[in-house]
Amino acid sequence: MASMVETPARGSRFRVIAATLLVLCAAALLVYGAGFHKPSVLTERTVQEPPKSVTPASDVQMPGFLLPKASKPRTSTETVQIALSESAMVEDITIGGLTLGPDGKVKRTYSGAAPAVACPT
């Protein structure tokens, strides 16, 4: 009599291997996304340039001569590119702080703390 142990069909073995490979690939992609992938985000920051000051020589004193006043510091806004982790991006998207610009780049629309909640519930 032939042995009573049945071998699994070839198709079911293939399904088990394919499912295992899919689970392993999903786990590897999850680890990559959570730990290593840091997409770039455009944000604006304000830069304050120091004023141009005129320092007179201490040994030169000229009566009636007015020295020019120091100019006011200039401020300018520049766009910089920063790297955010996936979890930080999810948090920013949740409160509406990231948008996709018309050029296809991700832009931060706020900086600092989260906006005030409109509804207390």
Protein backbone atom coordinates (compact mmCIF):
# COMPACT_ATOMS: atom_id res chain seq x y z
CA MET A 1 0.00 0.00 0.00
CA ALA A 2 1.18 3.47 -0.75
CA SER A 3 2.07 5.84 2.04
CA MET A 4 -0.83 7.58 3.69
CA VAL A 5 0.92 10.95 4.00
CA GLU A 6 -0.37 13.39 1.45
CA THR A 7 1.96 15.95 -0.01
CA PRO A 8 0.55 19.41 -0.46
CA ALA A 9 -0.29 20.39 -3.96
CA ARG A 10 2.28 22.39 -5.82
CA GLY A 11 -0.06 25.38 -6.14
CA SER A 12 -0.60 25.70 -2.39
CA ARG A 13 3.15 25.68 -1.73
CA PHE A 14 3.55 28.50 -4.24
CA ARG A 15 0.82 30.52 -2.49
CA VAL A 16 2.54 30.15 0.89
CA ILE A 17 5.90 31.25 -0.51
CA ALA A 18 4.35 34.20 -2.37
CA ALA A 19 2.43 35.35 0.71
CA THR A 20 5.54 35.09 2.87
CA LEU A 21 7.58 37.13 0.37
CA LEU A 22 4.87 39.81 0.23
CA VAL A 23 4.79 40.10 4.03
CA LEU A 24 8.59 40.36 4.20
CA CYS A 25 8.66 43.04 1.48
CA ALA A 26 5.93 45.00 3.24
CA ALA A 27 7.85 44.87 6.52
CA ALA A 28 11.06 46.03 4.81
CA LEU A 29 9.26 48.96 3.14
CA LEU A 30 7.64 49.93 6.44
CA VAL A 31 11.03 50.01 8.18
CA TYR A 32 12.50 52.07 5.33
CA GLY A 33 9.64 54.57 5.35
CA ALA A 34 9.63 54.98 9.11
CA GLY A 35 13.36 55.12 9.70
CA PHE A 36 15.30 56.21 6.65
CA HIS A 37 13.11 58.00 4.12
CA LYS A 38 13.14 61.77 4.66
CA PRO A 39 11.40 63.68 1.84
CA SER A 40 12.37 67.30 1.27
CA VAL A 41 9.95 70.13 2.06
CA LEU A 42 10.22 73.79 1.06
CA THR A 43 9.79 76.31 3.86
CA GLU A 44 10.36 80.04 4.15
CA ARG A 45 12.52 81.63 6.79
CA THR A 46 13.25 85.25 7.61
CA VAL A 47 16.87 86.31 7.55
CA GLN A 48 17.96 89.50 9.29
CA GLU A 49 21.11 91.05 7.91
CA PRO A 50 23.24 93.02 10.37
CA PRO A 51 23.15 96.81 9.95
CA LYS A 52 26.04 98.52 8.27
CA SER A 53 27.49 100.73 10.98
CA VAL A 54 29.93 103.54 10.61
CA THR A 55 32.49 103.64 13.40
CA PRO A 56 34.33 106.94 13.65
CA ALA A 57 37.98 106.98 14.50
CA SER A 58 38.38 107.77 18.20
CA ASP A 59 41.19 110.26 17.69
CA VAL A 60 39.46 112.39 15.03
CA GLN A 61 37.07 115.02 16.41
CA MET A 62 35.62 117.49 13.95
CA PRO A 63 33.17 120.05 15.33
CA GLY A 64 30.06 120.53 13.25
CA PHE A 65 30.59 117.34 11.28
CA LEU A 66 27.67 114.93 11.36
CA LEU A 67 28.45 111.27 11.06
CA PRO A 68 25.99 109.13 9.12
CA LYS A 69 23.64 107.10 11.28
CA ALA A 70 23.77 103.35 11.24
CA SER A 71 21.27 101.86 8.85
CA LYS A 72 18.39 99.72 10.07
CA PRO A 73 18.81 95.96 9.79
CA ARG A 74 17.24 94.57 6.64
CA THR A 75 15.05 91.50 6.70
CA SER A 76 14.54 89.22 3.76
CA THR A 77 12.66 86.00 3.22
CA GLU A 78 14.33 83.03 1.61
CA THR A 79 13.05 79.61 0.69
CA VAL A 80 15.03 76.71 2.09
CA GLN A 81 14.70 72.98 1.64
CA ILE A 82 14.49 70.84 4.78
CA ALA A 83 14.15 67.09 5.27
CA LEU A 84 11.23 65.82 7.35
CA SER A 85 10.65 62.30 8.57
CA GLU A 86 7.55 60.47 7.44
CA SER A 87 5.94 60.73 10.89
CA ALA A 88 6.55 64.50 11.03
CA MET A 89 5.01 64.87 7.57
CA VAL A 90 1.93 62.91 8.59
CA GLU A 91 1.51 65.16 11.65
CA ASP A 92 1.93 68.33 9.55
CA ILE A 93 -0.51 67.12 6.91
CA THR A 94 -3.06 66.26 9.60
CA ILE A 95 -3.21 69.85 10.87
CA GLY A 96 -3.04 71.35 7.39
CA GLY A 97 0.55 72.56 7.43
CA LEU A 98 1.78 71.00 4.19
CA THR A 99 0.45 71.59 0.70
CA LEU A 100 1.44 70.52 -2.77
CA GLY A 101 2.40 73.55 -4.85
CA PRO A 102 1.59 74.04 -8.52
CA ASP A 103 5.16 73.08 -9.38
CA GLY A 104 4.71 69.68 -7.70
CA LYS A 105 6.87 70.41 -4.65
CA VAL A 106 5.70 70.02 -1.06
CA LYS A 107 5.56 73.36 0.78
CA ARG A 108 5.13 74.11 4.47
CA THR A 109 2.40 76.70 5.03
CA TYR A 110 3.03 77.49 8.70
CA SER A 111 5.80 77.40 11.23
CA GLY A 112 5.75 76.95 14.97
CA ALA A 113 2.97 75.51 17.07
CA ALA A 114 -0.20 73.97 15.70
CA PRO A 115 -3.06 76.37 14.95
CA ALA A 116 -5.76 76.97 17.53
CA VAL A 117 -8.62 74.49 17.57
CA ALA A 118 -11.92 76.03 16.47
CA CYS A 119 -14.17 73.58 18.28
CA PRO A 120 -13.51 72.60 21.93
CA THR A 121 -14.89 69.10 21.39
